[in-house]
C-alpha atoms as a PDB file:
ATOM      1  CA  MET A   1      86.391  95.420  49.266  1.00  0.00           C
ATOM      2  CA  LYS A   2      86.216  96.366  52.938  1.00  0.00           C
ATOM      3  CA  ILE A   3      82.968  95.629  54.756  1.00  0.00           C
ATOM      4  CA  VAL A   4      81.958  98.592  56.913  1.00  0.00           C
ATOM      5  CA  ASP A   5      80.171  98.422  60.263  1.00  0.00           C
ATOM      6  CA  ARG A   6      79.857  94.645  60.308  1.00  0.00           C
ATOM      7  CA  TYR A   7      79.381  93.130  63.740  1.00  0.00           C
ATOM      8  CA  MET A   8      82.202  90.658  64.222  1.00  0.00           C
ATOM      9  CA  HIS A   9      80.676  88.405  66.882  1.00  0.00           C
ATOM     10  CA  GLY A  10      77.249  87.588  65.502  1.00  0.00           C
ATOM     11  CA  HIS A  11      74.602  86.053  67.745  1.00  0.00           C
ATOM     12  CA  HIS A  12      75.612  82.447  68.212  1.00  0.00           C
ATOM     13  CA  GLU A  13      74.516  80.935  71.533  1.00  0.00           C
ATOM     14  CA  SER A  14      78.084  81.188  72.851  1.00  0.00           C
ATOM     15  CA  VAL A  15      77.999  84.939  72.176  1.00  0.00           C
ATOM     16  CA  LEU A  16      74.626  85.403  73.851  1.00  0.00           C
ATOM     17  CA  ARG A  17      75.906  83.447  76.851  1.00  0.00           C
ATOM     18  CA  SER A  18      78.499  86.144  77.482  1.00  0.00           C
ATOM     19  CA  HIS A  19      76.174  89.047  76.682  1.00  0.00           C
ATOM     20  CA  GLU A  20      73.523  87.751  79.078  1.00  0.00           C
ATOM     21  CA  TRP A  21      76.118  87.839  81.878  1.00  0.00           C
ATOM     22  CA  ARG A  22      76.227  91.621  81.682  1.00  0.00           C
ATOM     23  CA  ASN A  23      74.350  93.592  84.300  1.00  0.00           C
ATOM     24  CA  LEU A  24      74.471  96.953  86.025  1.00  0.00           C
ATOM     25  CA  ALA A  25      77.007  95.756  88.599  1.00  0.00           C
ATOM     26  CA  ASN A  26      79.625  94.467  86.152  1.00  0.00           C
ATOM     27  CA  SER A  27      78.957  96.793  83.217  1.00  0.00           C
ATOM     28  CA  GLY A  28      77.377  99.990  84.544  1.00  0.00           C
ATOM     29  CA  ALA A  29      78.971 100.869  87.862  1.00  0.00           C
ATOM     30  CA  TYR A  30      80.391 104.090  86.388  1.00  0.00           C
ATOM     31  CA  PHE A  31      76.913 105.578  85.864  1.00  0.00           C
ATOM     32  CA  GLU A  32      74.618 103.665  88.239  1.00  0.00           C
ATOM     33  CA  ALA A  33      74.478 106.479  90.812  1.00  0.00           C
ATOM     34  CA  ARG A  34      73.227 108.935  88.173  1.00  0.00           C
ATOM     35  CA  LEU A  35      70.065 106.985  87.397  1.00  0.00           C
ATOM     36  CA  ARG A  36      66.897 108.411  88.935  1.00  0.00           C
ATOM     37  CA  PRO A  37      63.289 107.205  89.133  1.00  0.00           C
ATOM     38  CA  GLY A  38      61.191 108.571  86.293  1.00  0.00           C
ATOM     39  CA  MET A  39      64.004 108.937  83.757  1.00  0.00           C
ATOM     40  CA  THR A  40      63.553 107.970  80.124  1.00  0.00           C
ATOM     41  CA  VAL A  41      66.474 105.977  78.722  1.00  0.00           C
ATOM     42  CA  LEU A  42      67.519 104.815  75.259  1.00  0.00           C
ATOM     43  CA  ASP A  43      69.761 101.741  75.332  1.00  0.00           C
ATOM     44  CA  VAL A  44      71.525 101.478  71.967  1.00  0.00           C
ATOM     45  CA  GLY A  45      72.831  98.037  71.005  1.00  0.00           C
ATOM     46  CA  SER A  46      70.799  96.489  73.813  1.00  0.00           C
ATOM     47  CA  GLY A  47      71.397  92.892  72.735  1.00  0.00           C
ATOM     48  CA  PRO A  48      69.624  90.264  74.872  1.00  0.00           C
ATOM     49  CA  GLY A  49      68.550  92.952  77.344  1.00  0.00           C
ATOM     50  CA  THR A  50      69.963  91.916  80.724  1.00  0.00           C
ATOM     51  CA  LEU A  51      71.679  95.272  81.285  1.00  0.00           C
ATOM     52  CA  THR A  52      68.604  97.042  79.910  1.00  0.00           C
ATOM     53  CA  PHE A  53      66.407  95.302  82.502  1.00  0.00           C
ATOM     54  CA  ASP A  54      68.647  96.478  85.346  1.00  0.00           C
ATOM     55  CA  ILE A  55      68.534 100.052  84.075  1.00  0.00           C
ATOM     56  CA  ALA A  56      64.739  99.884  83.804  1.00  0.00           C
ATOM     57  CA  GLU A  57      64.473  98.707  87.397  1.00  0.00           C
ATOM     58  CA  ARG A  58      66.531 101.692  88.600  1.00  0.00           C
ATOM     59  CA  VAL A  59      64.563 104.331  86.661  1.00  0.00           C
ATOM     60  CA  ALA A  60      61.051 102.932  87.302  1.00  0.00           C
ATOM     61  CA  PRO A  61      58.435 104.284  86.868  1.00  0.00           C
ATOM     62  CA  GLY A  62      60.394 105.738  83.972  1.00  0.00           C
ATOM     63  CA  THR A  63      60.786 103.897  80.692  1.00  0.00           C
ATOM     64  CA  VAL A  64      63.646 102.323  78.772  1.00  0.00           C
ATOM     65  CA  VAL A  65      63.723 101.607  75.045  1.00  0.00           C
ATOM     66  CA  GLY A  66      66.333  99.148  73.808  1.00  0.00           C
ATOM     67  CA  VAL A  67      67.289  99.220  70.131  1.00  0.00           C
ATOM     68  CA  ASP A  68      69.397  96.736  68.200  1.00  0.00           C
ATOM     69  CA  ARG A  69      70.090  96.198  64.503  1.00  0.00           C
ATOM     70  CA  SER A  70      69.237  92.494  64.711  1.00  0.00           C
ATOM     71  CA  ALA A  71      65.537  91.663  64.503  1.00  0.00           C
ATOM     72  CA  ASP A  72      66.265  88.221  65.952  1.00  0.00           C
ATOM     73  CA  ILE A  73      67.948  89.735  69.010  1.00  0.00           C
ATOM     74  CA  VAL A  74      65.112  92.220  69.480  1.00  0.00           C
ATOM     75  CA  GLU A  75      62.695  89.292  69.497  1.00  0.00           C
ATOM     76  CA  HIS A  76      64.950  87.419  71.950  1.00  0.00           C
ATOM     77  CA  ALA A  77      65.066  90.408  74.323  1.00  0.00           C
ATOM     78  CA  THR A  78      61.317  90.990  74.063  1.00  0.00           C
ATOM     79  CA  ASP A  79      60.647  87.360  74.980  1.00  0.00           C
ATOM     80  CA  ALA A  80      63.118  87.595  77.877  1.00  0.00           C
ATOM     81  CA  ALA A  81      61.341  90.703  79.190  1.00  0.00           C
ATOM     82  CA  ALA A  82      58.037  88.851  79.160  1.00  0.00           C
ATOM     83  CA  ARG A  83      59.530  85.834  80.947  1.00  0.00           C
ATOM     84  CA  CYS A  84      61.110  87.867  83.740  1.00  0.00           C
ATOM     85  CA  GLY A  85      58.204  90.289  84.087  1.00  0.00           C
ATOM     86  CA  ALA A  86      60.303  93.364  83.297  1.00  0.00           C
ATOM     87  CA  SER A  87      58.158  96.501  83.266  1.00  0.00           C
ATOM     88  CA  GLY A  88      58.738  99.867  81.645  1.00  0.00           C
ATOM     89  CA  VAL A  89      61.016  98.386  78.992  1.00  0.00           C
ATOM     90  CA  SER A  90      60.502  97.734  75.287  1.00  0.00           C
ATOM     91  CA  PHE A  91      62.737  96.722  72.376  1.00  0.00           C
ATOM     92  CA  ALA A  92      62.774  97.711  68.721  1.00  0.00           C
ATOM     93  CA  VAL A  93      64.950  97.295  65.657  1.00  0.00           C
ATOM     94  CA  GLY A  94      67.050 100.421  65.221  1.00  0.00           C
ATOM     95  CA  ASP A  95      70.238 101.816  63.743  1.00  0.00           C
ATOM     96  CA  ALA A  96      72.646 103.780  65.950  1.00  0.00           C
ATOM     97  CA  CYS A  97      73.668 105.838  62.927  1.00  0.00           C
ATOM     98  CA  ALA A  98      70.099 107.043  62.288  1.00  0.00           C
ATOM     99  CA  LEU A  99      67.908 106.787  65.364  1.00  0.00           C
ATOM    100  CA  ASP A 100      64.173 106.853  64.712  1.00  0.00           C
ATOM    101  CA  PHE A 101      63.396 109.350  67.480  1.00  0.00           C
ATOM    102  CA  PRO A 102      62.802 113.116  67.533  1.00  0.00           C
ATOM    103  CA  ASP A 103      65.317 115.532  68.976  1.00  0.00           C
ATOM    104  CA  ASP A 104      65.431 115.773  72.789  1.00  0.00           C
ATOM    105  CA  SER A 105      63.582 112.492  73.385  1.00  0.00           C
ATOM    106  CA  PHE A 106      65.503 110.944  76.296  1.00  0.00           C
ATOM    107  CA  ASP A 107      67.109 111.862  79.595  1.00  0.00           C
ATOM    108  CA  VAL A 108      69.831 109.274  79.031  1.00  0.00           C
ATOM    109  CA  VAL A 109      71.338 107.525  76.013  1.00  0.00           C
ATOM    110  CA  HIS A 110      73.427 104.457  76.832  1.00  0.00           C
ATOM    111  CA  ALA A 111      75.688 102.336  74.606  1.00  0.00           C
ATOM    112  CA  HIS A 112      77.691  99.380  75.898  1.00  0.00           C
ATOM    113  CA  GLN A 113      80.297  97.814  73.553  1.00  0.00           C
ATOM    114  CA  VAL A 114      78.801  99.561  70.514  1.00  0.00           C
ATOM    115  CA  LEU A 115      81.102 102.312  69.258  1.00  0.00           C
ATOM    116  CA  GLN A 116      84.037  99.943  68.720  1.00  0.00           C
ATOM    117  CA  HIS A 117      82.121  98.297  65.871  1.00  0.00           C
ATOM    118  CA  LEU A 118      81.289 101.493  63.959  1.00  0.00           C
ATOM    119  CA  SER A 119      83.326 103.216  61.260  1.00  0.00           C
ATOM    120  CA  ASP A 120      82.221 106.727  62.289  1.00  0.00           C
ATOM    121  CA  PRO A 121      81.736 106.789  66.071  1.00  0.00           C
ATOM    122  CA  VAL A 122      81.826 110.593  66.138  1.00  0.00           C
ATOM    123  CA  ALA A 123      78.767 110.796  63.870  1.00  0.00           C
ATOM    124  CA  VAL A 124      76.992 108.241  66.067  1.00  0.00           C
ATOM    125  CA  LEU A 125      77.787 110.217  69.211  1.00  0.00           C
ATOM    126  CA  ARG A 126      76.363 113.307  67.504  1.00  0.00           C
ATOM    127  CA  GLU A 127      73.207 111.284  66.862  1.00  0.00           C
ATOM    128  CA  PHE A 128      73.104 110.339  70.557  1.00  0.00           C
ATOM    129  CA  ARG A 129      73.543 114.032  71.413  1.00  0.00           C
ATOM    130  CA  ARG A 130      70.622 114.913  69.121  1.00  0.00           C
ATOM    131  CA  VAL A 131      68.123 112.659  70.891  1.00  0.00           C
ATOM    132  CA  VAL A 132      69.196 113.425  74.471  1.00  0.00           C
ATOM    133  CA  ARG A 133      67.377 116.265  76.230  1.00  0.00           C
ATOM    134  CA  PRO A 134      69.153 119.409  77.489  1.00  0.00           C
ATOM    135  CA  GLY A 135      70.615 118.513  80.865  1.00  0.00           C
ATOM    136  CA  GLY A 136      70.650 114.813  80.018  1.00  0.00           C
ATOM    137  CA  PHE A 137      73.717 112.709  79.389  1.00  0.00           C
ATOM    138  CA  VAL A 138      75.206 110.112  77.085  1.00  0.00           C
ATOM    139  CA  LEU A 139      76.891 107.021  78.516  1.00  0.00           C
ATOM    140  CA  ALA A 140      79.330 104.864  76.578  1.00  0.00           C
ATOM    141  CA  CYS A 141      81.644 101.998  77.478  1.00  0.00           C
ATOM    142  CA  ASP A 142      83.937 100.060  75.140  1.00  0.00           C
ATOM    143  CA  VAL A 143      86.671  97.497  75.555  1.00  0.00           C
ATOM    144  CA  ASP A 144      90.247  98.373  74.630  1.00  0.00           C
ATOM    145  CA  TRP A 145      91.553  95.149  73.104  1.00  0.00           C
ATOM    146  CA  GLY A 146      95.057  96.608  72.978  1.00  0.00           C
ATOM    147  CA  GLY A 147      95.208  96.611  76.762  1.00  0.00           C
ATOM    148  CA  THR A 148      93.859  93.099  77.271  1.00  0.00           C
ATOM    149  CA  MET A 149      96.026  91.022  79.641  1.00  0.00           C
ATOM    150  CA  TRP A 150      96.366  87.318  80.306  1.00  0.00           C
ATOM    151  CA  ALA A 151      98.591  84.737  81.917  1.00  0.00           C
ATOM    152  CA  PRO A 152     100.109  82.342  81.124  1.00  0.00           C
ATOM    153  CA  GLN A 153     101.334  83.798  77.832  1.00  0.00           C
ATOM    154  CA  LEU A 154     100.029  81.098  75.506  1.00  0.00           C
ATOM    155  CA  PRO A 155     100.824  81.553  71.792  1.00  0.00           C
ATOM    156  CA  GLY A 156      97.279  80.539  70.880  1.00  0.00           C
ATOM    157  CA  LEU A 157      95.860  83.449  72.874  1.00  0.00           C
ATOM    158  CA  ALA A 158      98.257  85.853  71.189  1.00  0.00           C
ATOM    159  CA  GLU A 159      96.844  84.590  67.882  1.00  0.00           C
ATOM    160  CA  TRP A 160      93.325  85.116  69.223  1.00  0.00           C
ATOM    161  CA  MET A 161      94.110  88.759  69.941  1.00  0.00           C
ATOM    162  CA  ARG A 162      95.752  89.296  66.548  1.00  0.00           C
ATOM    163  CA  ILE A 163      92.743  87.810  64.772  1.00  0.00           C
ATOM    164  CA  THR A 164      90.277  89.832  66.865  1.00  0.00           C
ATOM    165  CA  GLN A 165      91.953  93.118  66.000  1.00  0.00           C
ATOM    166  CA  ASP A 166      92.420  92.222  62.330  1.00  0.00           C
ATOM    167  CA  VAL A 167      88.779  91.218  61.898  1.00  0.00           C
ATOM    168  CA  GLN A 168      87.428  94.282  63.676  1.00  0.00           C
ATOM    169  CA  ARG A 169      89.591  96.682  61.691  1.00  0.00           C
ATOM    170  CA  GLY A 170      88.629  94.892  58.482  1.00  0.00           C
ATOM    171  CA  ASN A 171      84.992  95.455  59.372  1.00  0.00           C
ATOM    172  CA  GLY A 172      85.543  99.193  59.771  1.00  0.00           C
ATOM    173  CA  GLY A 173      85.683  99.146  63.579  1.00  0.00           C
ATOM    174  CA  GLU A 174      88.315 100.171  66.126  1.00  0.00           C
ATOM    175  CA  PRO A 175      89.648  97.533  68.554  1.00  0.00           C
ATOM    176  CA  LEU A 176      91.270 100.243  70.715  1.00  0.00           C
ATOM    177  CA  ALA A 177      87.976 102.116  71.056  1.00  0.00           C
ATOM    178  CA  GLY A 178      88.067 102.317  74.855  1.00  0.00           C
ATOM    179  CA  ARG A 179      91.018 104.710  74.936  1.00  0.00           C
ATOM    180  CA  PHE A 180      89.472 106.999  72.328  1.00  0.00           C
ATOM    181  CA  LEU A 181      86.016 107.494  73.849  1.00  0.00           C
ATOM    182  CA  ARG A 182      86.874 110.833  75.434  1.00  0.00           C
ATOM    183  CA  THR A 183      88.440 112.085  72.211  1.00  0.00           C
ATOM    184  CA  ARG A 184      85.431 111.005  70.144  1.00  0.00           C
ATOM    185  CA  ALA A 185      82.953 112.637  72.535  1.00  0.00           C
ATOM    186  CA  LEU A 186      84.779 115.954  72.423  1.00  0.00           C
ATOM    187  CA  GLU A 187      84.947 115.734  68.634  1.00  0.00           C
ATOM    188  CA  ALA A 188      81.191 115.129  68.624  1.00  0.00           C
ATOM    189  CA  GLY A 189      80.650 118.472  70.372  1.00  0.00           C
ATOM    190  CA  PHE A 190      80.052 117.498  73.989  1.00  0.00           C
ATOM    191  CA  SER A 191      81.256 120.229  76.327  1.00  0.00           C
ATOM    192  CA  HIS A 192      81.555 118.122  79.498  1.00  0.00           C
ATOM    193  CA  VAL A 193      83.044 114.625  79.403  1.00  0.00           C
ATOM    194  CA  THR A 194      83.778 112.603  82.529  1.00  0.00           C
ATOM    195  CA  SER A 195      86.110 109.668  81.869  1.00  0.00           C
ATOM    196  CA  SER A 196      86.797 106.486  83.796  1.00  0.00           C
ATOM    197  CA  ALA A 197      87.986 102.914  83.288  1.00  0.00           C
ATOM    198  CA  SER A 198      87.123  99.462  84.585  1.00  0.00           C
ATOM    199  CA  VAL A 199      88.437  95.935  84.136  1.00  0.00           C
ATOM    200  CA  TRP A 200      86.639  92.631  83.891  1.00  0.00           C
ATOM    201  CA  CYS A 201      88.753  89.960  85.546  1.00  0.00           C
ATOM    202  CA  PHE A 202      88.368  86.195  85.233  1.00  0.00           C
ATOM    203  CA  ALA A 203      90.691  84.229  87.489  1.00  0.00           C
ATOM    204  CA  SER A 204      88.885  81.726  89.719  1.00  0.00           C
ATOM    205  CA  ASP A 205      88.437  78.161  88.506  1.00  0.00           C
ATOM    206  CA  GLU A 206      84.769  78.803  87.817  1.00  0.00           C
ATOM    207  CA  GLU A 207      85.387  82.125  86.051  1.00  0.00           C
ATOM    208  CA  ARG A 208      88.155  80.701  83.874  1.00  0.00           C
ATOM    209  CA  ARG A 209      86.064  77.699  82.890  1.00  0.00           C
ATOM    210  CA  TRP A 210      83.055  79.829  81.954  1.00  0.00           C
ATOM    211  CA  TRP A 211      85.034  82.388  79.932  1.00  0.00           C
ATOM    212  CA  ALA A 212      87.220  79.812  78.199  1.00  0.00           C
ATOM    213  CA  GLU A 213      84.405  77.464  77.261  1.00  0.00           C
ATOM    214  CA  LEU A 214      82.363  80.180  75.606  1.00  0.00           C
ATOM    215  CA  TRP A 215      85.383  81.575  73.736  1.00  0.00           C
ATOM    216  CA  SER A 216      86.595  78.132  72.717  1.00  0.00           C
ATOM    217  CA  GLU A 217      83.202  77.643  71.107  1.00  0.00           C
ATOM    218  CA  ARG A 218      82.960  81.163  69.668  1.00  0.00           C
ATOM    219  CA  VAL A 219      86.268  80.780  67.862  1.00  0.00           C
ATOM    220  CA  THR A 220      85.007  77.922  65.700  1.00  0.00           C
ATOM    221  CA  GLU A 221      81.209  78.288  65.726  1.00  0.00           C
ATOM    222  CA  SER A 222      80.342  82.011  65.738  1.00  0.00           C
ATOM    223  CA  ASP A 223      80.658  84.761  63.136  1.00  0.00           C
ATOM    224  CA  TRP A 224      84.028  85.662  64.688  1.00  0.00           C
ATOM    225  CA  GLY A 225      85.648  82.555  63.208  1.00  0.00           C
ATOM    226  CA  ALA A 226      83.696  82.705  59.965  1.00  0.00           C
ATOM    227  CA  GLN A 227      84.739  86.298  59.365  1.00  0.00           C
ATOM    228  CA  ALA A 228      88.363  85.491  60.219  1.00  0.00           C
ATOM    229  CA  ARG A 229      88.398  82.802  57.539  1.00  0.00           C
ATOM    230  CA  GLU A 230      86.564  85.004  55.059  1.00  0.00           C
ATOM    231  CA  ALA A 231      89.048  87.852  55.583  1.00  0.00           C
ATOM    232  CA  GLY A 232      92.009  85.498  55.212  1.00  0.00           C
ATOM    233  CA  VAL A 233      93.454  86.332  58.652  1.00  0.00           C
ATOM    234  CA  ALA A 234      93.104  82.747  59.968  1.00  0.00           C
ATOM    235  CA  ASP A 235      92.510  79.290  58.559  1.00  0.00           C
ATOM    236  CA  ALA A 236      90.673  76.384  60.165  1.00  0.00           C
ATOM    237  CA  ALA A 237      93.859  74.965  61.688  1.00  0.00           C
ATOM    238  CA  THR A 238      94.713  78.299  63.323  1.00  0.00           C
ATOM    239  CA  LEU A 239      91.207  78.626  64.724  1.00  0.00           C
ATOM    240  CA  ASP A 240      91.439  75.122  66.155  1.00  0.00           C
ATOM    241  CA  THR A 241      94.733  76.058  67.821  1.00  0.00           C
ATOM    242  CA  VAL A 242      93.131  79.164  69.345  1.00  0.00           C
ATOM    243  CA  SER A 243      90.102  77.189  70.525  1.00  0.00           C
ATOM    244  CA  ARG A 244      92.304  74.623  72.269  1.00  0.00           C
ATOM    245  CA  ALA A 245      94.462  77.381  73.795  1.00  0.00           C
ATOM    246  CA  TRP A 246      91.450  78.737  75.646  1.00  0.00           C
ATOM    247  CA  LEU A 247      90.785  75.355  77.224  1.00  0.00           C
ATOM    248  CA  GLU A 248      94.474  75.003  78.109  1.00  0.00           C
ATOM    249  CA  TRP A 249      94.329  78.409  79.772  1.00  0.00           C
ATOM    250  CA  ALA A 250      91.242  77.434  81.792  1.00  0.00           C
ATOM    251  CA  ALA A 251      92.897  74.247  83.035  1.00  0.00           C
ATOM    252  CA  ASP A 252      95.925  76.124  84.371  1.00  0.00           C
ATOM    253  CA  PRO A 253      95.402  77.202  88.021  1.00  0.00           C
ATOM    254  CA  THR A 254      97.664  80.219  87.392  1.00  0.00           C
ATOM    255  CA  GLY A 255      95.347  81.430  84.621  1.00  0.00           C
ATOM    256  CA  TRP A 256      94.278  85.084  84.814  1.00  0.00           C
ATOM    257  CA  TYR A 257      92.544  87.390  82.338  1.00  0.00           C
ATOM    258  CA  GLY A 258      91.929  91.141  82.495  1.00  0.00           C
ATOM    259  CA  MET A 259      89.735  93.013  79.992  1.00  0.00           C
ATOM    260  CA  PRO A 260      89.960  96.831  80.268  1.00  0.00           C
ATOM    261  CA  HIS A 261      87.212  99.263  79.290  1.00  0.00           C
ATOM    262  CA  GLY A 262      87.070 102.992  78.721  1.00  0.00           C
ATOM    263  CA  GLU A 263      83.946 104.764  79.953  1.00  0.00           C
ATOM    264  CA  ILE A 264      82.457 108.231  79.452  1.00  0.00           C
ATOM    265  CA  ILE A 265      79.600 110.322  80.768  1.00  0.00           C
ATOM    266  CA  ALA A 266      79.081 113.132  78.240  1.00  0.00           C
ATOM    267  CA  ARG A 267      76.896 116.209  78.539  1.00  0.00           C
ATOM    268  CA  GLY A 268      76.274 119.508  76.820  1.00  0.00           C
END
């Protein structure tokens, strides 16, 4: 039986390491200029909160609420906010499919790398539209795994991509979500949708080492690998091959990786 809306990465330390790298500069440049002091923002799928903190700083003295389905991650983000002295930001357990807020509650609703994991992203975007105030806007960004690029062309990395897409589809998600964001927003009833794209690139020695080490670990230690085995799309030997391929890639001075994202700003 297919498992629907299951998050394929989990919250292993190697996953959090990558999520805590995200900030407004590398993950929110497409909307940064639209943030104004005093805004109220809902950050859906806020994870460990680093991007949420940056948003809160830009809209102060406004407020930001981060919601995530994982109680453990909400606790992690709340502790991080206390440690860094973040103000105007709070975190709560919440479900993107059924937000616990009245209509017209926020100036902005933001979701980074969320819709790709959901079986009905149109319904979720309608829920975002419900809680955003008239004149406000919904922001969404998702990777498009089908456009991911790397060199050299190692067979182990090709297996990594096959497994990633198979697991996500098996969970009810869409690995090509980035290219469909505009379509989904229009289907959800938004009348104005501005679209853009961006690419994360890891190519320097330091960047390759950081990205490869966390993925080498994620392949065998996180939910990604466990779900791949459970779904029958990879065995332990295949996962070991993929893990070692990432380290081989990092050691190659010609190594280069590009990760494309679709982005939307939706209104009306």
